[in-house]
N, C-alpha and C. Protein backbone atom coordinates (compact mmCIF):
# COMPACT_ATOMS: atom_id res chain seq x y z
N MET A 1 18.79 1.82 -10.15
CA MET A 1 17.26 1.87 -10.75
C MET A 1 16.24 2.48 -9.57
N THR A 2 15.68 3.24 -10.00
CA THR A 2 14.48 3.97 -9.09
C THR A 2 13.21 2.82 -8.98
N LEU A 3 12.51 3.00 -7.84
CA LEU A 3 11.36 2.44 -7.67
C LEU A 3 10.24 2.31 -8.81
N THR A 4 10.62 3.65 -9.52
CA THR A 4 9.52 4.05 -10.59
C THR A 4 10.02 3.16 -12.05
N GLN A 5 11.26 2.97 -11.77
CA GLN A 5 11.78 2.30 -13.17
C GLN A 5 11.41 1.13 -12.98
N GLN A 6 11.73 0.25 -11.67
CA GLN A 6 11.59 -1.11 -11.39
C GLN A 6 10.07 -1.44 -11.92
N LEU A 7 9.18 -0.54 -11.47
CA LEU A 7 7.52 -0.72 -11.67
C LEU A 7 7.46 -1.00 -13.12
N ALA A 8 8.12 0.06 -13.72
CA ALA A 8 7.76 0.03 -15.39
C ALA A 8 8.29 -1.14 -16.08
N GLU A 9 9.45 -1.64 -15.53
CA GLU A 9 9.69 -2.67 -16.28
C GLU A 9 9.17 -3.61 -15.65
N GLN A 10 8.42 -4.06 -14.75
CA GLN A 10 7.54 -5.35 -14.33
C GLN A 10 6.19 -5.08 -15.12
N LYS A 11 5.83 -3.67 -15.36
CA LYS A 11 4.55 -3.67 -16.08
C LYS A 11 4.92 -4.14 -17.54
N ALA A 12 5.72 -3.71 -18.40
CA ALA A 12 6.28 -4.04 -19.45
C ALA A 12 6.08 -5.86 -19.59
N GLN A 13 7.00 -6.39 -18.39
CA GLN A 13 6.97 -7.86 -18.40
C GLN A 13 5.38 -8.62 -18.38
N SER A 14 4.78 -8.10 -17.27
CA SER A 14 3.70 -8.54 -17.06
C SER A 14 2.57 -8.28 -18.57
N THR A 15 2.60 -7.25 -19.07
CA THR A 15 1.74 -7.12 -20.28
C THR A 15 1.93 -7.78 -21.28
N ALA A 16 3.40 -8.08 -21.64
CA ALA A 16 3.72 -9.28 -22.63
C ALA A 16 3.17 -10.62 -22.08
N ARG A 17 3.03 -10.81 -20.76
CA ARG A 17 2.58 -12.46 -20.49
C ARG A 17 1.15 -12.47 -20.40
N ILE A 18 0.62 -11.51 -19.86
CA ILE A 18 -1.15 -11.90 -19.40
C ILE A 18 -1.80 -12.02 -20.84
N PRO A 19 -2.63 -12.76 -20.93
CA PRO A 19 -3.45 -12.77 -22.03
C PRO A 19 -4.56 -11.70 -22.41
N GLU A 20 -4.78 -11.60 -23.45
CA GLU A 20 -5.70 -10.44 -23.84
C GLU A 20 -6.68 -10.09 -23.04
N THR A 21 -7.36 -11.14 -23.01
CA THR A 21 -8.82 -11.18 -22.23
C THR A 21 -8.70 -10.53 -21.05
N ALA A 22 -7.75 -11.31 -20.29
CA ALA A 22 -7.65 -10.72 -19.05
C ALA A 22 -6.96 -9.41 -18.72
N ARG A 23 -6.26 -8.84 -19.91
CA ARG A 23 -5.88 -7.47 -20.01
C ARG A 23 -6.91 -6.30 -20.04
N LYS A 24 -7.98 -7.02 -21.05
CA LYS A 24 -8.88 -6.29 -21.26
C LYS A 24 -9.96 -5.77 -20.03
N ILE A 25 -10.30 -6.90 -19.19
CA ILE A 25 -11.05 -7.19 -18.46
C ILE A 25 -10.18 -6.02 -16.78
N MET A 26 -8.98 -6.26 -16.70
CA MET A 26 -8.00 -5.61 -15.48
C MET A 26 -7.97 -4.11 -16.05
N SER A 27 -8.00 -3.77 -17.39
CA SER A 27 -7.74 -2.56 -17.86
C SER A 27 -9.24 -1.82 -17.79
N ALA A 28 -10.47 -2.43 -18.06
CA ALA A 28 -11.82 -1.82 -17.70
C ALA A 28 -11.96 -1.47 -16.20
N GLU A 29 -11.63 -2.47 -15.76
CA GLU A 29 -11.64 -2.33 -14.33
C GLU A 29 -11.03 -0.95 -13.44
N LEU A 30 -9.46 -0.42 -14.22
CA LEU A 30 -8.95 0.46 -13.83
C LEU A 30 -9.61 1.91 -14.12
N SER A 31 -9.93 1.37 -15.59
CA SER A 31 -11.16 2.81 -16.08
C SER A 31 -12.17 3.00 -15.11
N LEU A 32 -12.95 2.50 -14.74
CA LEU A 32 -13.89 2.25 -13.92
C LEU A 32 -13.55 3.15 -12.45
N LEU A 33 -12.63 2.54 -12.05
CA LEU A 33 -12.11 3.38 -10.71
C LEU A 33 -11.34 4.53 -11.13
N ILE A 34 -10.86 4.76 -12.06
CA ILE A 34 -10.61 6.06 -12.51
C ILE A 34 -11.64 7.43 -12.45
N GLU A 35 -12.73 6.59 -13.22
CA GLU A 35 -14.15 7.52 -13.65
C GLU A 35 -15.05 7.88 -12.25
N SER A 36 -14.33 6.80 -10.98
CA SER A 36 -15.40 7.08 -9.82
C SER A 36 -14.51 8.26 -8.96
N HIS A 37 -13.67 8.93 -9.53
CA HIS A 37 -12.87 9.94 -8.81
C HIS A 37 -12.62 9.76 -7.23
N MET A 38 -12.52 8.05 -6.78
CA MET A 38 -12.35 7.90 -5.66
C MET A 38 -11.22 8.27 -4.98
N VAL A 39 -10.19 8.88 -5.63
CA VAL A 39 -9.02 9.59 -4.56
C VAL A 39 -9.23 10.70 -4.04
N GLU A 40 -10.42 11.30 -4.78
CA GLU A 40 -10.79 12.65 -4.33
C GLU A 40 -11.33 12.59 -2.88
N ASN A 41 -11.68 11.40 -2.38
CA ASN A 41 -11.93 10.96 -0.92
C ASN A 41 -10.73 10.84 -0.06
N ALA A 42 -9.84 10.57 -0.47
CA ALA A 42 -8.58 10.09 0.19
C ALA A 42 -7.95 11.42 0.94
N PRO A 43 -7.02 11.00 2.31
CA PRO A 43 -6.54 12.25 2.99
C PRO A 43 -5.48 13.37 2.04
N LYS A 44 -5.84 14.54 2.47
CA LYS A 44 -4.79 15.51 1.61
C LYS A 44 -4.26 16.02 2.32
N VAL A 45 -3.08 16.82 1.82
CA VAL A 45 -2.16 17.67 2.47
C VAL A 45 -2.79 18.55 3.29
N GLY A 46 -2.35 18.62 4.74
CA GLY A 46 -3.39 19.45 5.80
C GLY A 46 -4.26 18.84 6.66
N ASP A 47 -4.68 17.56 5.75
CA ASP A 47 -5.47 16.86 6.95
C ASP A 47 -4.94 16.42 8.25
N THR A 48 -5.90 15.92 9.22
CA THR A 48 -5.55 15.00 10.14
C THR A 48 -5.70 13.80 9.77
N LEU A 49 -5.03 12.88 9.76
CA LEU A 49 -5.16 11.59 9.62
C LEU A 49 -5.57 10.56 10.80
N LYS A 50 -6.36 9.83 10.39
CA LYS A 50 -7.64 9.55 11.71
C LYS A 50 -6.47 8.24 12.41
N GLU A 51 -6.40 8.22 13.53
CA GLU A 51 -5.89 7.30 14.46
C GLU A 51 -6.46 5.65 14.00
N PHE A 52 -5.36 5.04 14.08
CA PHE A 52 -5.50 3.62 13.90
C PHE A 52 -5.03 2.54 15.07
N THR A 53 -5.58 1.29 15.30
CA THR A 53 -4.50 0.55 16.12
C THR A 53 -5.13 -0.87 15.56
N LEU A 54 -3.88 -1.43 15.07
CA LEU A 54 -4.07 -2.78 14.21
C LEU A 54 -2.99 -3.61 14.49
N PRO A 55 -3.16 -4.76 14.42
CA PRO A 55 -1.71 -5.75 14.81
C PRO A 55 -0.62 -5.72 13.63
N ASN A 56 0.46 -5.62 14.09
CA ASN A 56 1.57 -5.88 13.19
C ASN A 56 1.72 -7.51 12.57
N GLN A 57 2.90 -7.62 12.08
CA GLN A 57 3.26 -9.23 11.61
C GLN A 57 3.42 -10.11 12.59
N ASN A 58 3.89 -9.50 13.92
CA ASN A 58 3.86 -10.28 14.64
C ASN A 58 3.07 -10.45 15.80
N GLY A 59 1.50 -9.66 15.69
CA GLY A 59 0.88 -10.09 16.38
C GLY A 59 0.51 -8.93 17.64
N LYS A 60 1.66 -7.85 17.34
CA LYS A 60 1.59 -6.72 18.36
C LYS A 60 0.61 -5.54 17.84
N THR A 61 -0.14 -4.87 18.71
CA THR A 61 -1.33 -4.02 18.27
C THR A 61 -0.52 -3.04 18.25
N LYS A 62 -0.15 -1.98 17.47
CA LYS A 62 0.46 -0.91 16.99
C LYS A 62 -0.52 0.23 16.87
N SER A 63 -0.67 1.62 17.21
CA SER A 63 -1.38 2.82 17.31
C SER A 63 -0.44 4.09 16.42
N LEU A 64 -1.16 4.46 15.50
CA LEU A 64 -0.84 5.87 14.73
C LEU A 64 0.02 6.64 15.68
N SER A 65 -0.79 6.99 17.01
CA SER A 65 -0.09 8.01 18.08
C SER A 65 1.08 7.09 18.59
N SER A 66 1.24 6.07 18.72
CA SER A 66 2.60 5.65 19.44
C SER A 66 3.96 5.81 18.34
N PHE A 67 3.45 5.52 17.09
CA PHE A 67 4.39 5.87 16.21
C PHE A 67 4.75 7.42 16.13
N LEU A 68 3.87 8.21 16.20
CA LEU A 68 4.15 9.63 16.11
C LEU A 68 4.68 10.19 17.09
N ALA A 69 4.68 9.29 18.43
CA ALA A 69 5.45 9.95 19.71
C ALA A 69 7.19 9.82 19.45
N ASN A 70 7.26 9.24 18.46
CA ASN A 70 8.89 9.07 18.38
C ASN A 70 9.27 9.67 16.92
N GLY A 71 8.50 10.54 16.16
CA GLY A 71 8.83 11.48 15.03
C GLY A 71 7.73 11.17 13.98
N PRO A 72 7.88 11.68 12.42
CA PRO A 72 7.11 11.59 11.70
C PRO A 72 6.89 10.26 11.15
N VAL A 73 5.82 10.00 10.62
CA VAL A 73 5.69 8.38 10.01
C VAL A 73 5.28 8.65 8.39
N VAL A 74 5.60 7.37 7.93
CA VAL A 74 5.54 7.14 6.34
C VAL A 74 4.64 5.98 6.54
N ILE A 75 3.50 6.06 5.97
CA ILE A 75 2.64 4.81 5.90
C ILE A 75 2.58 4.53 4.35
N THR A 76 2.57 3.58 3.74
CA THR A 76 2.08 2.92 2.77
C THR A 76 1.57 1.81 2.96
N PHE A 77 0.39 1.88 1.83
CA PHE A 77 -0.45 0.94 1.58
C PHE A 77 -0.16 -0.14 0.46
N TYR A 78 -0.17 -1.31 0.82
CA TYR A 78 -0.19 -2.23 -0.62
C TYR A 78 -1.49 -3.42 -0.33
N ARG A 79 -1.45 -3.96 -1.35
CA ARG A 79 -2.48 -4.71 -2.18
C ARG A 79 -2.32 -6.17 -1.23
N GLY A 80 -1.17 -6.96 -1.15
CA GLY A 80 -0.53 -8.20 -0.60
C GLY A 80 0.37 -8.54 -1.28
N GLY A 81 0.98 -9.70 -0.68
CA GLY A 81 2.24 -10.41 -0.69
C GLY A 81 2.03 -10.97 -2.27
N TRP A 82 0.70 -10.90 -2.85
CA TRP A 82 0.56 -11.83 -4.04
C TRP A 82 0.84 -10.94 -5.34
N CYS A 83 1.25 -9.73 -5.04
CA CYS A 83 1.15 -8.48 -5.84
C CYS A 83 2.23 -8.17 -6.21
N PRO A 84 3.02 -8.59 -7.33
CA PRO A 84 4.78 -8.38 -7.74
C PRO A 84 4.79 -6.63 -7.59
N TYR A 85 3.91 -5.80 -7.92
CA TYR A 85 4.35 -4.32 -7.73
C TYR A 85 4.22 -4.12 -6.26
N CYS A 86 3.51 -4.61 -5.49
CA CYS A 86 3.72 -4.92 -3.72
C CYS A 86 5.06 -5.02 -3.59
N ASN A 87 5.46 -5.79 -3.87
CA ASN A 87 6.70 -6.60 -3.40
C ASN A 87 7.93 -5.81 -3.81
N ILE A 88 8.12 -5.49 -4.89
CA ILE A 88 8.78 -4.38 -5.50
C ILE A 88 8.71 -3.15 -4.81
N GLU A 89 7.70 -2.37 -4.49
CA GLU A 89 7.54 -1.56 -3.58
C GLU A 89 8.29 -1.64 -2.14
N LEU A 90 7.78 -2.64 -1.26
CA LEU A 90 8.25 -3.18 -0.15
C LEU A 90 9.92 -3.13 -0.23
N ARG A 91 10.60 -3.73 -1.14
CA ARG A 91 11.81 -4.37 -1.05
C ARG A 91 12.37 -2.87 -1.40
N ALA A 92 11.78 -1.94 -2.11
CA ALA A 92 12.38 -0.54 -2.31
C ALA A 92 12.58 0.45 -1.28
N TYR A 93 11.26 0.25 -0.38
CA TYR A 93 11.41 1.01 0.88
C TYR A 93 12.19 0.36 1.85
N GLN A 94 12.38 -0.85 2.18
CA GLN A 94 13.44 -1.47 2.96
C GLN A 94 14.82 -1.10 2.57
N ALA A 95 14.97 -0.63 1.07
CA ALA A 95 16.39 -0.46 0.69
C ALA A 95 16.58 1.07 1.32
N ALA A 96 15.51 1.75 1.60
CA ALA A 96 15.53 3.52 1.59
C ALA A 96 15.17 3.51 3.09
N LEU A 97 15.35 2.30 3.82
CA LEU A 97 14.61 2.59 5.25
C LEU A 97 16.05 3.17 6.23
N PRO A 98 17.04 3.11 5.68
CA PRO A 98 18.33 3.84 6.57
C PRO A 98 18.00 5.39 6.21
N GLU A 99 17.89 5.80 5.17
CA GLU A 99 17.52 7.32 4.41
C GLU A 99 16.18 7.91 5.38
N ILE A 100 15.28 6.67 5.50
CA ILE A 100 14.21 7.39 6.24
C ILE A 100 14.27 7.55 7.51
N THR A 101 14.50 6.49 8.49
CA THR A 101 15.05 6.72 9.85
C THR A 101 16.15 7.69 9.99
N ALA A 102 17.06 8.19 8.97
CA ALA A 102 18.01 9.27 9.40
C ALA A 102 17.29 10.56 9.34
N GLN A 103 15.92 10.61 8.87
CA GLN A 103 15.23 12.02 8.92
C GLN A 103 14.47 11.83 10.21
N GLY A 104 14.64 10.88 11.04
CA GLY A 104 13.72 10.52 12.57
C GLY A 104 12.47 10.05 12.05
N ALA A 105 12.22 9.33 11.13
CA ALA A 105 11.06 9.03 10.94
C ALA A 105 10.81 7.54 11.00
N THR A 106 9.54 7.03 11.02
CA THR A 106 9.23 5.37 11.12
C THR A 106 8.41 5.20 10.05
N LEU A 107 9.02 4.21 9.47
CA LEU A 107 8.19 3.51 8.16
C LEU A 107 7.39 2.36 8.49
N ILE A 108 5.72 2.67 8.13
CA ILE A 108 5.03 1.17 8.24
C ILE A 108 4.38 1.20 6.97
N ALA A 109 3.92 -0.31 6.65
CA ALA A 109 3.19 -0.39 5.84
C ALA A 109 1.80 -1.16 6.33
N ILE A 110 0.86 -1.10 5.44
CA ILE A 110 -0.65 -1.26 5.93
C ILE A 110 -1.06 -2.13 4.63
N THR A 111 -1.42 -3.45 4.94
CA THR A 111 -2.19 -4.49 3.92
C THR A 111 -3.65 -5.11 4.89
N PRO A 112 -4.45 -4.98 3.50
CA PRO A 112 -5.66 -6.00 3.98
C PRO A 112 -5.46 -7.35 4.55
N GLU A 113 -4.42 -7.99 4.14
CA GLU A 113 -3.98 -9.49 4.46
C GLU A 113 -4.15 -9.58 5.84
N GLN A 114 -4.44 -10.98 6.31
CA GLN A 114 -4.49 -11.48 7.80
C GLN A 114 -2.75 -11.26 8.16
N PRO A 115 -2.71 -11.52 9.45
CA PRO A 115 -1.50 -11.30 9.70
C PRO A 115 -0.16 -12.32 9.58
N ASP A 116 -0.68 -13.41 9.48
CA ASP A 116 -0.01 -14.68 9.28
C ASP A 116 0.50 -14.37 7.63
N ASN A 117 -0.24 -13.98 7.13
CA ASN A 117 0.00 -13.53 5.43
C ASN A 117 0.98 -12.51 5.51
N SER A 118 0.82 -11.19 6.35
CA SER A 118 1.34 -10.38 6.19
C SER A 118 3.07 -10.58 6.87
N LEU A 119 3.03 -11.43 7.31
CA LEU A 119 4.33 -12.19 8.24
C LEU A 119 5.18 -12.66 7.12
N SER A 120 4.31 -13.41 6.40
CA SER A 120 5.23 -13.97 5.29
C SER A 120 5.54 -12.99 4.44
N THR A 121 5.09 -12.15 3.88
CA THR A 121 5.31 -11.10 3.06
C THR A 121 6.65 -10.66 3.87
N ALA A 122 6.34 -10.04 4.85
CA ALA A 122 7.82 -9.08 5.76
C ALA A 122 8.84 -10.25 5.78
N GLU A 123 8.59 -11.52 5.77
CA GLU A 123 9.80 -12.43 5.72
C GLU A 123 10.71 -12.63 4.43
N LYS A 124 9.65 -12.85 3.27
CA LYS A 124 9.90 -12.85 2.24
C LYS A 124 10.71 -11.76 1.30
N ASN A 125 10.21 -10.55 2.13
CA ASN A 125 10.88 -9.56 1.50
C ASN A 125 12.06 -9.32 2.39
N ALA A 126 12.40 -9.76 3.75
CA ALA A 126 13.17 -9.24 4.55
C ALA A 126 13.14 -7.84 5.15
N LEU A 127 11.74 -7.58 5.66
CA LEU A 127 11.46 -6.21 5.83
C LEU A 127 11.60 -6.03 7.30
N ALA A 128 12.55 -4.83 7.61
CA ALA A 128 12.74 -4.71 9.32
C ALA A 128 12.00 -3.34 9.62
N PHE A 129 10.63 -3.56 9.07
CA PHE A 129 9.99 -2.37 9.66
C PHE A 129 8.37 -2.97 9.84
N ASP A 130 7.67 -2.38 10.48
CA ASP A 130 6.42 -2.82 10.71
C ASP A 130 5.24 -2.88 9.76
N VAL A 131 4.69 -4.14 9.41
CA VAL A 131 3.60 -4.40 8.61
C VAL A 131 2.48 -4.76 9.07
N LEU A 132 1.37 -3.73 9.44
CA LEU A 132 -0.05 -3.95 9.90
C LEU A 132 -1.00 -4.46 8.83
N SER A 133 -1.59 -5.48 9.70
CA SER A 133 -2.80 -5.99 9.18
C SER A 133 -4.15 -5.27 9.07
N ASP A 134 -4.78 -4.52 8.35
CA ASP A 134 -6.01 -3.96 8.23
C ASP A 134 -7.11 -4.76 8.02
N ILE A 135 -7.66 -5.29 9.01
CA ILE A 135 -8.37 -6.70 8.26
C ILE A 135 -9.92 -6.05 8.03
N ASN A 136 -10.52 -6.55 6.76
CA ASN A 136 -11.38 -6.03 6.01
C ASN A 136 -11.49 -4.84 5.62
N SER A 137 -10.27 -4.27 5.69
CA SER A 137 -9.62 -2.72 5.06
C SER A 137 -10.42 -2.03 5.83
N GLU A 138 -10.95 -2.33 7.03
CA GLU A 138 -11.76 -1.11 7.79
C GLU A 138 -10.82 0.27 7.96
N TYR A 139 -9.77 0.37 8.21
CA TYR A 139 -9.00 1.43 8.67
C TYR A 139 -9.17 2.17 6.93
N ALA A 140 -8.43 1.79 5.86
CA ALA A 140 -8.29 2.14 4.63
C ALA A 140 -10.05 2.45 4.15
N ARG A 141 -10.76 1.76 4.55
CA ARG A 141 -12.26 2.58 3.94
C ARG A 141 -12.42 3.54 4.84
N GLU A 142 -12.17 3.86 6.08
CA GLU A 142 -12.33 5.06 6.92
C GLU A 142 -11.99 5.97 6.32
N ILE A 143 -10.50 6.06 5.71
CA ILE A 143 -9.78 7.29 4.76
C ILE A 143 -10.09 7.24 3.57
N GLY A 144 -10.98 6.62 3.01
CA GLY A 144 -11.69 6.74 1.71
C GLY A 144 -10.77 6.32 0.48
N ILE A 145 -9.97 5.04 0.52
CA ILE A 145 -8.93 4.70 -0.15
C ILE A 145 -9.32 3.17 -0.45
N VAL A 146 -10.48 2.60 -0.25
CA VAL A 146 -11.03 1.24 -0.59
C VAL A 146 -11.67 0.93 -1.51
N PHE A 147 -11.70 0.03 -2.57
CA PHE A 147 -12.59 -0.26 -3.61
C PHE A 147 -12.93 -1.97 -3.38
N SER A 148 -13.84 -2.23 -4.43
CA SER A 148 -14.20 -3.50 -4.36
C SER A 148 -13.72 -4.42 -5.50
N VAL A 149 -13.33 -5.41 -5.38
CA VAL A 149 -12.98 -5.94 -6.50
C VAL A 149 -14.15 -6.74 -7.36
N SER A 150 -14.41 -6.39 -8.54
CA SER A 150 -15.41 -7.15 -9.33
C SER A 150 -15.37 -8.15 -9.79
N ASP A 151 -16.52 -9.23 -9.80
CA ASP A 151 -16.54 -10.35 -9.92
C ASP A 151 -15.77 -11.07 -11.08
N GLU A 152 -15.64 -10.28 -12.28
CA GLU A 152 -14.71 -10.58 -13.54
C GLU A 152 -13.30 -10.33 -13.18
N LEU A 153 -13.06 -9.62 -12.25
CA LEU A 153 -11.56 -9.44 -11.80
C LEU A 153 -11.18 -10.65 -10.78
N ARG A 154 -12.03 -10.91 -10.11
CA ARG A 154 -11.68 -11.71 -9.09
C ARG A 154 -11.22 -12.98 -9.96
N THR A 155 -12.22 -13.28 -11.17
CA THR A 155 -12.10 -14.52 -11.98
C THR A 155 -10.67 -14.75 -12.12
N VAL A 156 -10.12 -13.35 -12.72
CA VAL A 156 -8.92 -13.22 -13.64
C VAL A 156 -7.88 -13.60 -12.53
N TYR A 157 -8.32 -12.94 -11.39
CA TYR A 157 -6.79 -12.93 -10.32
C TYR A 157 -7.01 -14.94 -9.68
N SER A 158 -8.32 -15.34 -9.92
CA SER A 158 -8.12 -16.64 -9.84
C SER A 158 -7.23 -17.63 -10.75
N GLY A 159 -7.61 -16.94 -11.82
CA GLY A 159 -6.93 -17.49 -13.14
C GLY A 159 -5.39 -17.64 -12.92
N PHE A 160 -5.13 -16.40 -11.92
CA PHE A 160 -3.57 -16.20 -11.76
C PHE A 160 -3.07 -17.18 -10.84
N GLY A 161 -3.84 -17.79 -10.03
CA GLY A 161 -3.61 -18.63 -8.71
C GLY A 161 -3.78 -17.54 -7.41
N ILE A 162 -4.17 -16.50 -7.49
CA ILE A 162 -4.69 -15.70 -6.62
C ILE A 162 -5.93 -15.63 -5.73
N ASP A 163 -6.19 -16.12 -4.52
CA ASP A 163 -7.39 -16.07 -3.94
C ASP A 163 -7.46 -15.16 -2.95
N LEU A 164 -8.14 -14.11 -2.88
CA LEU A 164 -8.01 -13.17 -2.24
C LEU A 164 -8.68 -13.31 -0.64
N ASP A 165 -9.80 -14.07 -0.75
CA ASP A 165 -10.31 -14.54 0.44
C ASP A 165 -9.44 -15.59 1.24
N LYS A 166 -8.19 -16.09 0.85
CA LYS A 166 -7.30 -16.87 1.47
C LYS A 166 -6.59 -15.97 2.03
N HIS A 167 -6.13 -14.93 1.17
CA HIS A 167 -5.14 -13.67 1.67
C HIS A 167 -5.75 -13.06 3.19
N ASN A 168 -6.99 -12.42 2.32
CA ASN A 168 -7.77 -11.73 3.25
C ASN A 168 -8.22 -12.19 4.46
N GLY A 169 -9.05 -13.35 4.41
CA GLY A 169 -10.08 -14.14 4.93
C GLY A 169 -11.21 -13.26 5.18
N GLN A 170 -12.18 -13.31 5.81
CA GLN A 170 -13.72 -12.80 6.09
C GLN A 170 -14.33 -12.59 4.92
N GLY A 171 -14.37 -13.39 3.99
CA GLY A 171 -14.90 -13.19 2.76
C GLY A 171 -14.96 -11.85 2.15
N ARG A 172 -14.25 -11.04 2.21
CA ARG A 172 -14.27 -9.86 1.67
C ARG A 172 -13.29 -9.84 0.33
N TYR A 173 -13.93 -8.96 -0.53
CA TYR A 173 -12.57 -8.51 -1.83
C TYR A 173 -12.50 -7.40 -1.96
N ASP A 174 -12.13 -6.70 -1.03
CA ASP A 174 -11.69 -5.50 -1.26
C ASP A 174 -10.22 -5.02 -1.05
N LEU A 175 -9.68 -4.01 -1.72
CA LEU A 175 -8.67 -3.61 -1.77
C LEU A 175 -7.89 -2.32 -1.65
N PRO A 176 -6.90 -1.65 -1.30
CA PRO A 176 -6.79 -0.15 -1.06
C PRO A 176 -6.26 0.17 -2.27
N LEU A 177 -6.37 1.53 -2.55
CA LEU A 177 -5.70 2.07 -4.14
C LEU A 177 -4.16 2.17 -3.31
N ALA A 178 -3.30 2.39 -4.31
CA ALA A 178 -1.77 2.67 -3.86
C ALA A 178 -1.89 4.23 -3.35
N ALA A 179 -1.22 3.88 -2.08
CA ALA A 179 -1.08 5.57 -1.50
C ALA A 179 -0.02 5.15 -0.30
N THR A 180 0.31 6.45 -0.36
CA THR A 180 1.57 6.53 0.48
C THR A 180 1.21 7.72 1.17
N PHE A 181 1.59 8.21 2.65
CA PHE A 181 1.58 9.61 3.34
C PHE A 181 2.82 9.62 4.16
N VAL A 182 3.01 10.90 4.16
CA VAL A 182 4.18 11.25 5.29
C VAL A 182 3.28 12.15 6.29
N ILE A 183 3.27 11.59 7.40
CA ILE A 183 2.73 12.23 8.62
C ILE A 183 3.49 13.03 9.44
N ASP A 184 3.29 14.16 9.68
CA ASP A 184 4.24 15.02 10.79
C ASP A 184 3.73 14.54 12.24
N THR A 185 4.32 15.20 13.02
CA THR A 185 4.34 14.53 14.45
C THR A 185 3.11 15.22 14.91
N ASN A 186 2.60 16.28 14.70
CA ASN A 186 1.16 16.96 15.07
C ASN A 186 -0.05 15.69 14.27
N GLY A 187 0.27 14.90 13.57
CA GLY A 187 -0.68 13.92 13.22
C GLY A 187 -1.28 14.41 11.73
N THR A 188 -0.71 15.48 11.14
CA THR A 188 -1.26 16.01 10.00
C THR A 188 -0.35 15.41 8.72
N VAL A 189 -1.16 15.03 7.53
CA VAL A 189 -0.64 14.99 6.32
C VAL A 189 0.36 15.78 5.61
N ALA A 190 1.69 15.56 5.59
CA ALA A 190 2.54 16.55 5.23
C ALA A 190 2.62 16.63 3.58
N TRP A 191 2.55 14.98 3.12
CA TRP A 191 2.67 14.56 1.64
C TRP A 191 2.00 13.51 1.56
N ALA A 192 1.33 13.44 0.34
CA ALA A 192 0.76 12.43 -0.07
C ALA A 192 0.66 11.79 -1.33
N PHE A 193 0.33 10.50 -1.50
CA PHE A 193 0.49 10.13 -3.01
C PHE A 193 -0.75 9.19 -2.98
N VAL A 194 -1.48 9.28 -3.59
CA VAL A 194 -2.79 8.52 -4.15
C VAL A 194 -3.07 8.34 -5.41
N HIS A 195 -3.14 6.82 -5.99
CA HIS A 195 -3.64 6.62 -7.61
C HIS A 195 -4.01 5.32 -7.62
N GLU A 196 -4.91 5.19 -8.39
CA GLU A 196 -5.79 4.24 -8.98
C GLU A 196 -5.19 3.20 -9.67
N ASP A 197 -4.03 3.51 -10.46
CA ASP A 197 -3.12 2.63 -11.01
C ASP A 197 -2.05 1.56 -10.10
N TYR A 198 -2.62 0.49 -10.01
CA TYR A 198 -1.54 -0.38 -8.70
C TYR A 198 -0.21 -0.65 -9.29
N THR A 199 0.05 0.12 -10.51
CA THR A 199 1.13 -0.27 -10.89
C THR A 199 2.51 1.01 -10.87
N LEU A 200 1.65 1.80 -10.46
CA LEU A 200 2.22 3.24 -10.05
C LEU A 200 2.29 3.02 -8.37
N ARG A 201 3.51 3.60 -7.87
CA ARG A 201 3.60 3.89 -6.42
C ARG A 201 4.56 4.94 -6.00
N ALA A 202 4.26 5.49 -5.05
CA ALA A 202 5.24 6.43 -4.59
C ALA A 202 6.70 6.27 -4.60
N ASP A 203 7.73 7.06 -4.75
CA ASP A 203 9.13 6.61 -4.88
C ASP A 203 9.83 7.14 -3.54
N PRO A 204 10.40 6.00 -3.12
CA PRO A 204 10.90 6.50 -1.91
C PRO A 204 11.90 7.47 -1.86
N VAL A 205 12.45 8.29 -3.09
CA VAL A 205 13.06 9.40 -3.14
C VAL A 205 12.48 10.58 -2.84
N ASP A 206 11.11 10.65 -3.44
CA ASP A 206 10.18 11.59 -2.97
C ASP A 206 9.99 11.87 -1.66
N VAL A 207 9.59 10.57 -1.33
CA VAL A 207 9.40 10.30 0.35
C VAL A 207 10.33 11.19 1.10
N VAL A 208 11.44 10.52 1.11
CA VAL A 208 12.70 11.17 1.71
C VAL A 208 12.78 12.51 1.34
N ASN A 209 12.52 13.33 0.47
CA ASN A 209 12.68 14.68 0.19
C ASN A 209 11.17 15.26 0.98
N ALA A 210 10.29 14.79 1.01
CA ALA A 210 9.37 15.25 1.82
C ALA A 210 9.75 15.30 3.08
N LEU A 211 10.02 14.15 3.74
CA LEU A 211 10.75 14.12 5.20
C LEU A 211 11.59 15.09 5.70
N LYS A 212 12.74 15.60 4.92
CA LYS A 212 13.84 16.69 4.62
C LYS A 212 12.91 17.79 4.88
N ALA A 213 11.87 18.24 4.37
CA ALA A 213 11.15 19.22 4.01
C ALA A 213 10.71 19.77 5.56
N LEU A 214 10.54 18.79 6.02
CA LEU A 214 9.92 19.11 7.72
C LEU A 214 10.98 19.35 8.29
N ARG A 215 12.43 18.92 8.31
CA ARG A 215 13.17 19.37 9.22
C ARG A 215 13.40 20.70 9.49
């Protein structure tokens, strides 16, 4: 089953389980996000991606340039280990890791979660790649893919047992859009997927094809 199929299955299950009031709030929030045209601010193919220096799940600082020194880089942004769609995505990318590395590329994930929480997510999903903590979503904000969670949606998440402040710290309620980039060795964006709908993610099949096009 492809990642796209797994996500569709998860969405069907969630839709059947989530109360109607909560679904309406989540749907309204998504509509506002789409109407904001935020995706237009995201890095596009041909753009040079900004440098970053972020801690990984083990507390070791990593930079974009250090990854690029070894070849192309696949960067996927996810909301947090509390998000079922994110966990499905991460596991799919872990499964595709051999194909990605076979193309000479490095896979990394970036999350607004604190390092302790990113470590828990990495361990839970048995991830063999770096998960970087973007505290306060500063880097995601720099590249234009961050939105603030409304008070109404925060209340919905709280009802689901999700405490964003506990996961992210710093009293911030910002999350990244669903975004995945393939970065060529010269630092330019070779392929990009950015979407307001968190239930949609870049399929590893497309990412591997983008990497093959660089060879």
